[in-house]
Amino acid sequence: MFILTGKLPFAFLFSFLYLVNTITLAQPEFTSHDCFNTAGNYTRNSPYQRNLNTTLSALPNTNSGFGFFNTSTGQGSDTVHSLALCRGDANLDACRSCLNDSVVKLREICPNKKQAIGYYDLCMLIYSNQTVLRNTNIPYTVFLWNTQNASDVDRFNDALSPLLNNLIAEASGGGSLRKFASGNTSGPGVTRIYALAQCTPDLNEQQCDQCLQGAISQFTNAFSGKIGGRALVPMCNFRMRKKHQQTPEVENTETETMDIGTAESLQYGFSLVKSATNDFAEDNKLGQGGFGAVYKLFAKE
């Protein structure tokens, strides 16, 4: 604590107040992100940068009421499109905080990039010079998974499959404001399996179904029997784990929610990883984690 007493030189007082007013908390690291180097750069003080500033400032005010945000600014090649989605069970305060962190962090780690995407546990943000609404062709898929296998893989998969099918149907059948579903089921022994599925609500039912079916199919084919994992696609996502661990930021809901931490370890067959990451190309590197470099995987349809 600082205690100011007596007369202070004006310059010192001004410097002290400036220091207090400029101290900010650093934003946490993203679970994953991409700066899309192939989309190109914008120059400082250009129309694109001004439109990006305007778009990201306006984005938090476009909340649908269910944690979905989108807006566009500009004309022609200088148009900036932005979209954000909060996890369907996140409360409003946690959603806003996550979005604000995303706006700051994404511009910090992707300076001058025309397109970028970032994922936190509770939200996703993307901006681009291309249309993002209802765009299911953005080339970005990330899988995170727990390296531990279920004690009885067959029984685990037999329990997981109908749960995911039900969640896909419920999420894709949601309205134009919210496409989200969560649930749980009994697993082998005394375990329970928790899962959630979500699409951006601008997708129609068929688009949401196809997005989730594709992401979940790729994940379950590659990681059969893993006790936890996530698939991150710009327009949809899913997660599952065998153990419930609700975070304090999430509101209580009728169906229990689940959380998979950002420290999910990554493990794949070497030849498959080498192919999926384009021989570990630097452009495909997401960052450095406790288990080494983390890459985004381009799964073939």
C-alpha atoms as a PDB file:
ATOM      1  CA  MET A   1       0.000   0.000   0.000  1.00  0.00           C
ATOM      2  CA  PHE A   2       1.193   3.533  -0.798  1.00  0.00           C
ATOM      3  CA  ILE A   3       0.430   6.350   1.664  1.00  0.00           C
ATOM      4  CA  LEU A   4       0.848   9.877   0.306  1.00  0.00           C
ATOM      5  CA  THR A   5       1.412  12.523   2.950  1.00  0.00           C
ATOM      6  CA  GLY A   6       2.563  16.120   2.944  1.00  0.00           C
ATOM      7  CA  LYS A   7       3.413  18.071  -0.189  1.00  0.00           C
ATOM      8  CA  LEU A   8       4.642  16.131  -3.216  1.00  0.00           C
ATOM      9  CA  PRO A   9       6.342  17.454  -6.311  1.00  0.00           C
ATOM     10  CA  PHE A  10       3.780  17.742  -9.103  1.00  0.00           C
ATOM     11  CA  ALA A  11       5.907  15.676 -11.497  1.00  0.00           C
ATOM     12  CA  PHE A  12       6.104  12.800  -8.995  1.00  0.00           C
ATOM     13  CA  LEU A  13       2.388  12.885  -8.288  1.00  0.00           C
ATOM     14  CA  PHE A  14       1.544  12.941 -12.004  1.00  0.00           C
ATOM     15  CA  SER A  15       3.897  10.020 -12.668  1.00  0.00           C
ATOM     16  CA  PHE A  16       2.402   8.037  -9.794  1.00  0.00           C
ATOM     17  CA  LEU A  17      -1.164   8.597 -10.954  1.00  0.00           C
ATOM     18  CA  TYR A  18      -0.208   7.711 -14.528  1.00  0.00           C
ATOM     19  CA  LEU A  19       1.370   4.476 -13.313  1.00  0.00           C
ATOM     20  CA  VAL A  20      -1.722   3.526 -11.329  1.00  0.00           C
ATOM     21  CA  ASN A  21      -4.016   4.250 -14.257  1.00  0.00           C
ATOM     22  CA  THR A  22      -1.967   2.278 -16.789  1.00  0.00           C
ATOM     23  CA  ILE A  23      -1.493  -0.930 -14.810  1.00  0.00           C
ATOM     24  CA  THR A  24      -3.520  -3.687 -16.481  1.00  0.00           C
ATOM     25  CA  LEU A  25      -3.819  -7.382 -15.859  1.00  0.00           C
ATOM     26  CA  ALA A  26      -2.331  -9.607 -18.529  1.00  0.00           C
ATOM     27  CA  GLN A  27      -4.808 -11.734 -20.437  1.00  0.00           C
ATOM     28  CA  PRO A  28      -4.443 -15.511 -20.027  1.00  0.00           C
ATOM     29  CA  GLU A  29      -3.062 -17.602 -22.858  1.00  0.00           C
ATOM     30  CA  PHE A  30      -5.492 -19.039 -25.377  1.00  0.00           C
ATOM     31  CA  THR A  31      -6.272 -22.743 -25.375  1.00  0.00           C
ATOM     32  CA  SER A  32      -5.490 -22.493 -29.087  1.00  0.00           C
ATOM     33  CA  HIS A  33      -5.255 -19.778 -31.709  1.00  0.00           C
ATOM     34  CA  ASP A  34      -4.240 -19.132 -35.304  1.00  0.00           C
ATOM     35  CA  CYS A  35      -3.119 -15.948 -37.040  1.00  0.00           C
ATOM     36  CA  PHE A  36      -3.862 -17.264 -40.563  1.00  0.00           C
ATOM     37  CA  ASN A  37      -0.675 -15.956 -42.153  1.00  0.00           C
ATOM     38  CA  THR A  38      -1.965 -16.788 -45.639  1.00  0.00           C
ATOM     39  CA  ALA A  39      -4.811 -14.276 -45.222  1.00  0.00           C
ATOM     40  CA  GLY A  40      -2.332 -11.404 -45.398  1.00  0.00           C
ATOM     41  CA  ASN A  41      -1.485  -8.346 -43.319  1.00  0.00           C
ATOM     42  CA  TYR A  42      -2.932  -4.878 -42.970  1.00  0.00           C
ATOM     43  CA  THR A  43      -0.827  -1.740 -42.628  1.00  0.00           C
ATOM     44  CA  ARG A  44      -0.856   0.624 -39.691  1.00  0.00           C
ATOM     45  CA  ASN A  45      -3.518   3.377 -39.840  1.00  0.00           C
ATOM     46  CA  SER A  46      -5.052   1.766 -42.921  1.00  0.00           C
ATOM     47  CA  PRO A  47      -8.826   1.644 -43.520  1.00  0.00           C
ATOM     48  CA  TYR A  48      -8.720  -2.050 -42.593  1.00  0.00           C
ATOM     49  CA  GLN A  49      -7.171  -1.298 -39.205  1.00  0.00           C
ATOM     50  CA  ARG A  50      -9.721   1.416 -38.513  1.00  0.00           C
ATOM     51  CA  ASN A  51     -12.536  -0.944 -39.459  1.00  0.00           C
ATOM     52  CA  LEU A  52     -11.051  -3.649 -37.247  1.00  0.00           C
ATOM     53  CA  ASN A  53     -10.919  -1.222 -34.322  1.00  0.00           C
ATOM     54  CA  THR A  54     -14.540  -0.248 -34.894  1.00  0.00           C
ATOM     55  CA  THR A  55     -15.719  -3.828 -35.318  1.00  0.00           C
ATOM     56  CA  LEU A  56     -14.061  -5.182 -32.193  1.00  0.00           C
ATOM     57  CA  SER A  57     -15.256  -2.209 -30.141  1.00  0.00           C
ATOM     58  CA  ALA A  58     -18.841  -2.772 -31.276  1.00  0.00           C
ATOM     59  CA  LEU A  59     -18.823  -6.564 -31.049  1.00  0.00           C
ATOM     60  CA  PRO A  60     -19.573  -6.903 -27.288  1.00  0.00           C
ATOM     61  CA  ASN A  61     -22.749  -4.840 -27.796  1.00  0.00           C
ATOM     62  CA  THR A  62     -24.215  -7.285 -30.328  1.00  0.00           C
ATOM     63  CA  ASN A  63     -25.028 -10.051 -27.835  1.00  0.00           C
ATOM     64  CA  SER A  64     -27.988 -12.121 -28.993  1.00  0.00           C
ATOM     65  CA  GLY A  65     -28.886 -12.735 -25.361  1.00  0.00           C
ATOM     66  CA  PHE A  66     -27.355 -16.212 -25.495  1.00  0.00           C
ATOM     67  CA  GLY A  67     -23.653 -15.455 -25.861  1.00  0.00           C
ATOM     68  CA  PHE A  68     -23.475 -15.055 -29.648  1.00  0.00           C
ATOM     69  CA  PHE A  69     -21.953 -11.904 -31.142  1.00  0.00           C
ATOM     70  CA  ASN A  70     -21.322 -10.797 -34.720  1.00  0.00           C
ATOM     71  CA  THR A  71     -20.818  -7.584 -36.648  1.00  0.00           C
ATOM     72  CA  SER A  72     -19.113  -6.239 -39.779  1.00  0.00           C
ATOM     73  CA  THR A  73     -17.616  -2.859 -40.638  1.00  0.00           C
ATOM     74  CA  GLY A  74     -16.403  -1.329 -43.904  1.00  0.00           C
ATOM     75  CA  GLN A  75     -16.805  -1.849 -47.611  1.00  0.00           C
ATOM     76  CA  GLY A  76     -15.114  -3.916 -50.280  1.00  0.00           C
ATOM     77  CA  SER A  77     -11.729  -5.412 -49.495  1.00  0.00           C
ATOM     78  CA  ASP A  78     -11.464  -3.344 -46.305  1.00  0.00           C
ATOM     79  CA  THR A  79     -14.531  -4.959 -44.718  1.00  0.00           C
ATOM     80  CA  VAL A  80     -13.885  -6.657 -41.382  1.00  0.00           C
ATOM     81  CA  HIS A  81     -16.188  -9.434 -40.209  1.00  0.00           C
ATOM     82  CA  SER A  82     -16.154 -10.611 -36.601  1.00  0.00           C
ATOM     83  CA  LEU A  83     -17.927 -13.329 -34.660  1.00  0.00           C
ATOM     84  CA  ALA A  84     -17.752 -14.582 -31.084  1.00  0.00           C
ATOM     85  CA  LEU A  85     -19.449 -17.431 -29.258  1.00  0.00           C
ATOM     86  CA  CYS A  86     -19.528 -18.098 -25.539  1.00  0.00           C
ATOM     87  CA  ARG A  87     -20.016 -21.556 -24.135  1.00  0.00           C
ATOM     88  CA  GLY A  88     -23.722 -22.185 -23.826  1.00  0.00           C
ATOM     89  CA  ASP A  89     -23.664 -22.609 -20.052  1.00  0.00           C
ATOM     90  CA  ALA A  90     -21.484 -19.567 -19.273  1.00  0.00           C
ATOM     91  CA  ASN A  91     -23.138 -16.744 -17.349  1.00  0.00           C
ATOM     92  CA  LEU A  92     -23.266 -13.243 -18.819  1.00  0.00           C
ATOM     93  CA  ASP A  93     -20.460 -11.767 -16.711  1.00  0.00           C
ATOM     94  CA  ALA A  94     -18.091 -14.642 -17.482  1.00  0.00           C
ATOM     95  CA  CYS A  95     -19.004 -14.403 -21.160  1.00  0.00           C
ATOM     96  CA  ARG A  96     -18.299 -10.666 -21.363  1.00  0.00           C
ATOM     97  CA  SER A  97     -15.028 -11.043 -19.479  1.00  0.00           C
ATOM     98  CA  CYS A  98     -13.908 -13.838 -21.800  1.00  0.00           C
ATOM     99  CA  LEU A  99     -14.807 -11.828 -24.897  1.00  0.00           C
ATOM    100  CA  ASN A 100     -12.983  -8.737 -23.647  1.00  0.00           C
ATOM    101  CA  ASP A 101      -9.872 -10.813 -22.911  1.00  0.00           C
ATOM    102  CA  SER A 102     -10.106 -12.378 -26.371  1.00  0.00           C
ATOM    103  CA  VAL A 103     -10.248  -9.028 -28.159  1.00  0.00           C
ATOM    104  CA  VAL A 104      -7.126  -7.783 -26.379  1.00  0.00           C
ATOM    105  CA  LYS A 105      -5.167 -11.034 -26.537  1.00  0.00           C
ATOM    106  CA  LEU A 106      -5.878 -11.858 -30.176  1.00  0.00           C
ATOM    107  CA  ARG A 107      -4.686  -8.473 -31.397  1.00  0.00           C
ATOM    108  CA  GLU A 108      -1.633  -8.762 -29.168  1.00  0.00           C
ATOM    109  CA  ILE A 109      -0.479 -12.112 -30.540  1.00  0.00           C
ATOM    110  CA  CYS A 110      -1.635 -11.578 -34.146  1.00  0.00           C
ATOM    111  CA  PRO A 111      -0.573  -7.978 -34.851  1.00  0.00           C
ATOM    112  CA  ASN A 112      -1.439  -6.656 -38.316  1.00  0.00           C
ATOM    113  CA  LYS A 113      -3.116  -9.925 -39.343  1.00  0.00           C
ATOM    114  CA  LYS A 114      -6.290  -9.663 -41.398  1.00  0.00           C
ATOM    115  CA  GLN A 115      -7.681 -12.897 -40.004  1.00  0.00           C
ATOM    116  CA  ALA A 116      -7.256 -14.499 -36.585  1.00  0.00           C
ATOM    117  CA  ILE A 117      -9.054 -16.895 -34.263  1.00  0.00           C
ATOM    118  CA  GLY A 118      -8.646 -17.592 -30.562  1.00  0.00           C
ATOM    119  CA  TYR A 119     -10.220 -20.040 -28.125  1.00  0.00           C
ATOM    120  CA  TYR A 120     -10.543 -19.746 -24.385  1.00  0.00           C
ATOM    121  CA  ASP A 121     -12.350 -22.336 -22.300  1.00  0.00           C
ATOM    122  CA  LEU A 122     -15.517 -20.225 -22.233  1.00  0.00           C
ATOM    123  CA  CYS A 123     -15.473 -18.440 -25.592  1.00  0.00           C
ATOM    124  CA  MET A 124     -14.201 -18.223 -29.154  1.00  0.00           C
ATOM    125  CA  LEU A 125     -13.447 -15.095 -31.219  1.00  0.00           C
ATOM    126  CA  ILE A 126     -12.693 -14.823 -34.922  1.00  0.00           C
ATOM    127  CA  TYR A 127     -12.264 -11.824 -37.215  1.00  0.00           C
ATOM    128  CA  SER A 128     -11.546 -11.898 -40.928  1.00  0.00           C
ATOM    129  CA  ASN A 129     -11.595 -10.058 -44.233  1.00  0.00           C
ATOM    130  CA  GLN A 130     -13.846 -12.889 -45.443  1.00  0.00           C
ATOM    131  CA  THR A 131     -17.446 -13.553 -44.454  1.00  0.00           C
ATOM    132  CA  VAL A 132     -17.606 -15.660 -41.286  1.00  0.00           C
ATOM    133  CA  LEU A 133     -21.364 -15.960 -40.753  1.00  0.00           C
ATOM    134  CA  ARG A 134     -22.525 -19.423 -41.848  1.00  0.00           C
ATOM    135  CA  ASN A 135     -19.038 -20.116 -43.212  1.00  0.00           C
ATOM    136  CA  THR A 136     -18.278 -23.763 -42.478  1.00  0.00           C
ATOM    137  CA  ASN A 137     -15.226 -23.834 -44.756  1.00  0.00           C
ATOM    138  CA  ILE A 138     -12.708 -21.973 -42.594  1.00  0.00           C
ATOM    139  CA  PRO A 139      -9.654 -24.307 -42.623  1.00  0.00           C
ATOM    140  CA  TYR A 140      -9.122 -24.806 -38.918  1.00  0.00           C
ATOM    141  CA  THR A 141      -9.624 -27.915 -36.765  1.00  0.00           C
ATOM    142  CA  VAL A 142      -7.919 -28.581 -33.444  1.00  0.00           C
ATOM    143  CA  PHE A 143      -8.203 -31.700 -31.290  1.00  0.00           C
ATOM    144  CA  LEU A 144      -7.216 -31.814 -27.628  1.00  0.00           C
ATOM    145  CA  TRP A 145      -7.359 -35.084 -25.753  1.00  0.00           C
ATOM    146  CA  ASN A 146      -6.476 -36.862 -22.538  1.00  0.00           C
ATOM    147  CA  THR A 147      -3.840 -39.551 -23.066  1.00  0.00           C
ATOM    148  CA  GLN A 148      -5.489 -41.904 -20.559  1.00  0.00           C
ATOM    149  CA  ASN A 149      -7.637 -44.725 -21.911  1.00  0.00           C
ATOM    150  CA  ALA A 150     -10.868 -45.923 -20.332  1.00  0.00           C
ATOM    151  CA  SER A 151     -10.491 -49.105 -18.303  1.00  0.00           C
ATOM    152  CA  ASP A 152     -13.051 -50.787 -20.565  1.00  0.00           C
ATOM    153  CA  VAL A 153     -12.844 -49.123 -23.971  1.00  0.00           C
ATOM    154  CA  ASP A 154     -15.736 -50.996 -25.562  1.00  0.00           C
ATOM    155  CA  ARG A 155     -18.175 -50.243 -22.738  1.00  0.00           C
ATOM    156  CA  PHE A 156     -16.976 -46.638 -22.595  1.00  0.00           C
ATOM    157  CA  ASN A 157     -17.579 -46.154 -26.318  1.00  0.00           C
ATOM    158  CA  ASP A 158     -20.935 -47.936 -26.119  1.00  0.00           C
ATOM    159  CA  ALA A 159     -22.033 -45.423 -23.472  1.00  0.00           C
ATOM    160  CA  LEU A 160     -20.496 -42.378 -25.173  1.00  0.00           C
ATOM    161  CA  SER A 161     -21.922 -42.899 -28.664  1.00  0.00           C
ATOM    162  CA  PRO A 162     -25.655 -42.522 -27.866  1.00  0.00           C
ATOM    163  CA  LEU A 163     -24.914 -39.566 -25.585  1.00  0.00           C
ATOM    164  CA  LEU A 164     -23.121 -37.718 -28.382  1.00  0.00           C
ATOM    165  CA  ASN A 165     -25.822 -38.598 -30.909  1.00  0.00           C
ATOM    166  CA  ASN A 166     -28.478 -37.144 -28.597  1.00  0.00           C
ATOM    167  CA  LEU A 167     -26.444 -33.980 -28.026  1.00  0.00           C
ATOM    168  CA  ILE A 168     -25.876 -33.489 -31.757  1.00  0.00           C
ATOM    169  CA  ALA A 169     -29.602 -33.758 -32.393  1.00  0.00           C
ATOM    170  CA  GLU A 170     -30.483 -31.398 -29.546  1.00  0.00           C
ATOM    171  CA  ALA A 171     -27.858 -28.789 -30.436  1.00  0.00           C
ATOM    172  CA  SER A 172     -28.566 -28.776 -34.173  1.00  0.00           C
ATOM    173  CA  GLY A 173     -32.300 -28.604 -33.487  1.00  0.00           C
ATOM    174  CA  GLY A 174     -31.899 -25.448 -31.414  1.00  0.00           C
ATOM    175  CA  GLY A 175     -33.309 -22.147 -32.592  1.00  0.00           C
ATOM    176  CA  SER A 176     -31.661 -19.167 -34.237  1.00  0.00           C
ATOM    177  CA  LEU A 177     -30.479 -17.809 -30.869  1.00  0.00           C
ATOM    178  CA  ARG A 178     -28.852 -20.850 -29.280  1.00  0.00           C
ATOM    179  CA  LYS A 179     -27.588 -24.212 -30.508  1.00  0.00           C
ATOM    180  CA  PHE A 180     -26.168 -25.892 -27.412  1.00  0.00           C
ATOM    181  CA  ALA A 181     -26.686 -29.146 -25.555  1.00  0.00           C
ATOM    182  CA  SER A 182     -25.035 -30.813 -22.571  1.00  0.00           C
ATOM    183  CA  GLY A 183     -25.670 -34.055 -20.765  1.00  0.00           C
ATOM    184  CA  ASN A 184     -24.193 -37.059 -19.032  1.00  0.00           C
ATOM    185  CA  THR A 185     -24.565 -40.806 -18.903  1.00  0.00           C
ATOM    186  CA  SER A 186     -23.359 -43.773 -16.884  1.00  0.00           C
ATOM    187  CA  GLY A 187     -19.988 -45.124 -17.942  1.00  0.00           C
ATOM    188  CA  PRO A 188     -18.145 -48.317 -17.032  1.00  0.00           C
ATOM    189  CA  GLY A 189     -18.079 -49.033 -13.317  1.00  0.00           C
ATOM    190  CA  VAL A 190     -18.952 -46.015 -11.199  1.00  0.00           C
ATOM    191  CA  THR A 191     -17.879 -43.408 -13.749  1.00  0.00           C
ATOM    192  CA  ARG A 192     -20.102 -40.929 -15.531  1.00  0.00           C
ATOM    193  CA  ILE A 193     -19.399 -39.400 -18.907  1.00  0.00           C
ATOM    194  CA  TYR A 194     -20.121 -35.695 -19.370  1.00  0.00           C
ATOM    195  CA  ALA A 195     -20.289 -34.015 -22.758  1.00  0.00           C
ATOM    196  CA  LEU A 196     -21.487 -30.899 -24.522  1.00  0.00           C
ATOM    197  CA  ALA A 197     -21.978 -29.902 -28.147  1.00  0.00           C
ATOM    198  CA  GLN A 198     -22.462 -26.431 -29.602  1.00  0.00           C
ATOM    199  CA  CYS A 199     -22.763 -24.616 -32.922  1.00  0.00           C
ATOM    200  CA  THR A 200     -22.868 -20.945 -33.743  1.00  0.00           C
ATOM    201  CA  PRO A 201     -26.611 -20.252 -34.009  1.00  0.00           C
ATOM    202  CA  ASP A 202     -26.333 -18.662 -37.454  1.00  0.00           C
ATOM    203  CA  LEU A 203     -25.982 -22.186 -38.876  1.00  0.00           C
ATOM    204  CA  ASN A 204     -29.132 -23.950 -39.943  1.00  0.00           C
ATOM    205  CA  GLU A 205     -29.999 -27.380 -38.557  1.00  0.00           C
ATOM    206  CA  GLN A 206     -28.316 -29.286 -41.376  1.00  0.00           C
ATOM    207  CA  GLN A 207     -25.117 -27.219 -41.225  1.00  0.00           C
ATOM    208  CA  CYS A 208     -24.856 -27.641 -37.457  1.00  0.00           C
ATOM    209  CA  ASP A 209     -25.494 -31.379 -37.694  1.00  0.00           C
ATOM    210  CA  GLN A 210     -22.846 -31.796 -40.398  1.00  0.00           C
ATOM    211  CA  CYS A 211     -20.301 -29.696 -38.499  1.00  0.00           C
ATOM    212  CA  LEU A 212     -20.724 -31.658 -35.261  1.00  0.00           C
ATOM    213  CA  GLN A 213     -20.956 -35.036 -36.983  1.00  0.00           C
ATOM    214  CA  GLY A 214     -17.713 -34.336 -38.826  1.00  0.00           C
ATOM    215  CA  ALA A 215     -15.804 -33.091 -35.780  1.00  0.00           C
ATOM    216  CA  ILE A 216     -17.018 -35.881 -33.493  1.00  0.00           C
ATOM    217  CA  SER A 217     -16.458 -38.592 -36.097  1.00  0.00           C
ATOM    218  CA  GLN A 218     -12.879 -37.465 -36.699  1.00  0.00           C
ATOM    219  CA  PHE A 219     -12.214 -37.291 -32.975  1.00  0.00           C
ATOM    220  CA  THR A 220     -13.726 -40.647 -32.021  1.00  0.00           C
ATOM    221  CA  ASN A 221     -12.042 -42.426 -34.938  1.00  0.00           C
ATOM    222  CA  ALA A 222      -8.630 -41.102 -33.927  1.00  0.00           C
ATOM    223  CA  PHE A 223      -9.000 -41.233 -30.143  1.00  0.00           C
ATOM    224  CA  SER A 224     -11.290 -44.159 -29.420  1.00  0.00           C
ATOM    225  CA  GLY A 225     -11.465 -44.912 -25.702  1.00  0.00           C
ATOM    226  CA  LYS A 226      -9.796 -41.716 -24.479  1.00  0.00           C
ATOM    227  CA  ILE A 227     -11.459 -40.490 -21.294  1.00  0.00           C
ATOM    228  CA  GLY A 228     -11.577 -36.835 -22.313  1.00  0.00           C
ATOM    229  CA  GLY A 229     -11.146 -34.535 -25.254  1.00  0.00           C
ATOM    230  CA  ARG A 230     -12.280 -31.601 -27.325  1.00  0.00           C
ATOM    231  CA  ALA A 231     -12.725 -30.683 -30.963  1.00  0.00           C
ATOM    232  CA  LEU A 232     -12.475 -26.995 -31.873  1.00  0.00           C
ATOM    233  CA  VAL A 233     -13.892 -25.922 -35.233  1.00  0.00           C
ATOM    234  CA  PRO A 234     -14.792 -22.266 -35.908  1.00  0.00           C
ATOM    235  CA  MET A 235     -18.531 -22.906 -36.285  1.00  0.00           C
ATOM    236  CA  CYS A 236     -18.944 -25.794 -33.822  1.00  0.00           C
ATOM    237  CA  ASN A 237     -17.248 -27.569 -30.959  1.00  0.00           C
ATOM    238  CA  PHE A 238     -17.681 -30.474 -28.609  1.00  0.00           C
ATOM    239  CA  ARG A 239     -16.044 -31.773 -25.462  1.00  0.00           C
ATOM    240  CA  MET A 240     -16.360 -34.806 -23.269  1.00  0.00           C
ATOM    241  CA  ARG A 241     -14.804 -36.346 -20.190  1.00  0.00           C
ATOM    242  CA  LYS A 242     -15.610 -39.104 -17.785  1.00  0.00           C
ATOM    243  CA  LYS A 243     -15.428 -36.985 -14.630  1.00  0.00           C
ATOM    244  CA  HIS A 244     -17.592 -33.995 -13.777  1.00  0.00           C
ATOM    245  CA  GLN A 245     -15.725 -30.904 -12.620  1.00  0.00           C
ATOM    246  CA  GLN A 246     -17.854 -27.774 -12.770  1.00  0.00           C
ATOM    247  CA  THR A 247     -16.053 -24.457 -12.941  1.00  0.00           C
ATOM    248  CA  PRO A 248     -17.134 -21.520 -10.747  1.00  0.00           C
ATOM    249  CA  GLU A 249     -17.739 -19.338 -13.827  1.00  0.00           C
ATOM    250  CA  VAL A 250     -20.528 -21.587 -15.069  1.00  0.00           C
ATOM    251  CA  GLU A 251     -24.102 -21.277 -13.921  1.00  0.00           C
ATOM    252  CA  ASN A 252     -25.964 -24.284 -12.555  1.00  0.00           C
ATOM    253  CA  THR A 253     -28.200 -25.786 -15.216  1.00  0.00           C
ATOM    254  CA  GLU A 254     -30.731 -28.569 -15.310  1.00  0.00           C
ATOM    255  CA  THR A 255     -28.147 -30.857 -16.870  1.00  0.00           C
ATOM    256  CA  GLU A 256     -24.751 -30.987 -15.256  1.00  0.00           C
ATOM    257  CA  THR A 257     -21.933 -29.295 -17.108  1.00  0.00           C
ATOM    258  CA  MET A 258     -18.352 -30.309 -17.469  1.00  0.00           C
ATOM    259  CA  ASP A 259     -14.981 -28.689 -17.915  1.00  0.00           C
ATOM    260  CA  ILE A 260     -11.855 -29.909 -19.591  1.00  0.00           C
ATOM    261  CA  GLY A 261      -8.813 -27.925 -18.568  1.00  0.00           C
ATOM    262  CA  THR A 262      -6.424 -26.326 -21.013  1.00  0.00           C
ATOM    263  CA  ALA A 263      -3.685 -28.728 -19.939  1.00  0.00           C
ATOM    264  CA  GLU A 264      -5.081 -31.680 -21.903  1.00  0.00           C
ATOM    265  CA  SER A 265      -1.998 -33.527 -23.102  1.00  0.00           C
ATOM    266  CA  LEU A 266      -1.564 -34.197 -26.802  1.00  0.00           C
ATOM    267  CA  GLN A 267      -0.528 -37.551 -28.207  1.00  0.00           C
ATOM    268  CA  TYR A 268      -0.870 -38.971 -31.710  1.00  0.00           C
ATOM    269  CA  GLY A 269       0.838 -41.580 -33.860  1.00  0.00           C
ATOM    270  CA  PHE A 270       3.988 -39.911 -35.206  1.00  0.00           C
ATOM    271  CA  SER A 271       3.337 -40.615 -38.879  1.00  0.00           C
ATOM    272  CA  LEU A 272      -0.238 -39.309 -38.603  1.00  0.00           C
ATOM    273  CA  VAL A 273       0.850 -36.154 -36.802  1.00  0.00           C
ATOM    274  CA  LYS A 274       3.615 -35.526 -39.315  1.00  0.00           C
ATOM    275  CA  SER A 275       1.115 -35.694 -42.157  1.00  0.00           C
ATOM    276  CA  ALA A 276      -1.649 -33.747 -40.398  1.00  0.00           C
ATOM    277  CA  THR A 277       0.689 -30.887 -39.468  1.00  0.00           C
ATOM    278  CA  ASN A 278       2.334 -30.693 -42.909  1.00  0.00           C
ATOM    279  CA  ASP A 279       5.612 -32.092 -41.581  1.00  0.00           C
ATOM    280  CA  PHE A 280       5.472 -29.884 -38.463  1.00  0.00           C
ATOM    281  CA  ALA A 281       5.342 -26.678 -40.475  1.00  0.00           C
ATOM    282  CA  GLU A 282       5.921 -23.566 -38.389  1.00  0.00           C
ATOM    283  CA  ASP A 283       2.643 -22.082 -39.658  1.00  0.00           C
ATOM    284  CA  ASN A 284       0.789 -24.989 -38.042  1.00  0.00           C
ATOM    285  CA  LYS A 285       2.333 -24.494 -34.611  1.00  0.00           C
ATOM    286  CA  LEU A 286      -0.116 -23.298 -31.969  1.00  0.00           C
ATOM    287  CA  GLY A 287       2.391 -22.762 -29.201  1.00  0.00           C
ATOM    288  CA  GLN A 288       4.575 -24.440 -26.612  1.00  0.00           C
ATOM    289  CA  GLY A 289       3.054 -26.464 -23.800  1.00  0.00           C
ATOM    290  CA  GLY A 290       4.288 -28.606 -20.961  1.00  0.00           C
ATOM    291  CA  PHE A 291       4.392 -31.608 -23.286  1.00  0.00           C
ATOM    292  CA  GLY A 292       6.221 -29.759 -26.056  1.00  0.00           C
ATOM    293  CA  ALA A 293       5.051 -27.983 -29.183  1.00  0.00           C
ATOM    294  CA  VAL A 294       1.314 -28.044 -29.893  1.00  0.00           C
ATOM    295  CA  TYR A 295       0.155 -28.105 -33.514  1.00  0.00           C
ATOM    296  CA  LYS A 296      -3.161 -27.727 -35.251  1.00  0.00           C
ATOM    297  CA  LEU A 297      -4.219 -30.781 -37.222  1.00  0.00           C
ATOM    298  CA  PHE A 298      -5.819 -30.602 -40.658  1.00  0.00           C
ATOM    299  CA  ALA A 299      -8.114 -33.596 -40.733  1.00  0.00           C
ATOM    300  CA  LYS A 300      -9.085 -34.803 -44.187  1.00  0.00           C
ATOM    301  CA  GLU A 301     -12.780 -35.149 -44.940  1.00  0.00           C
END
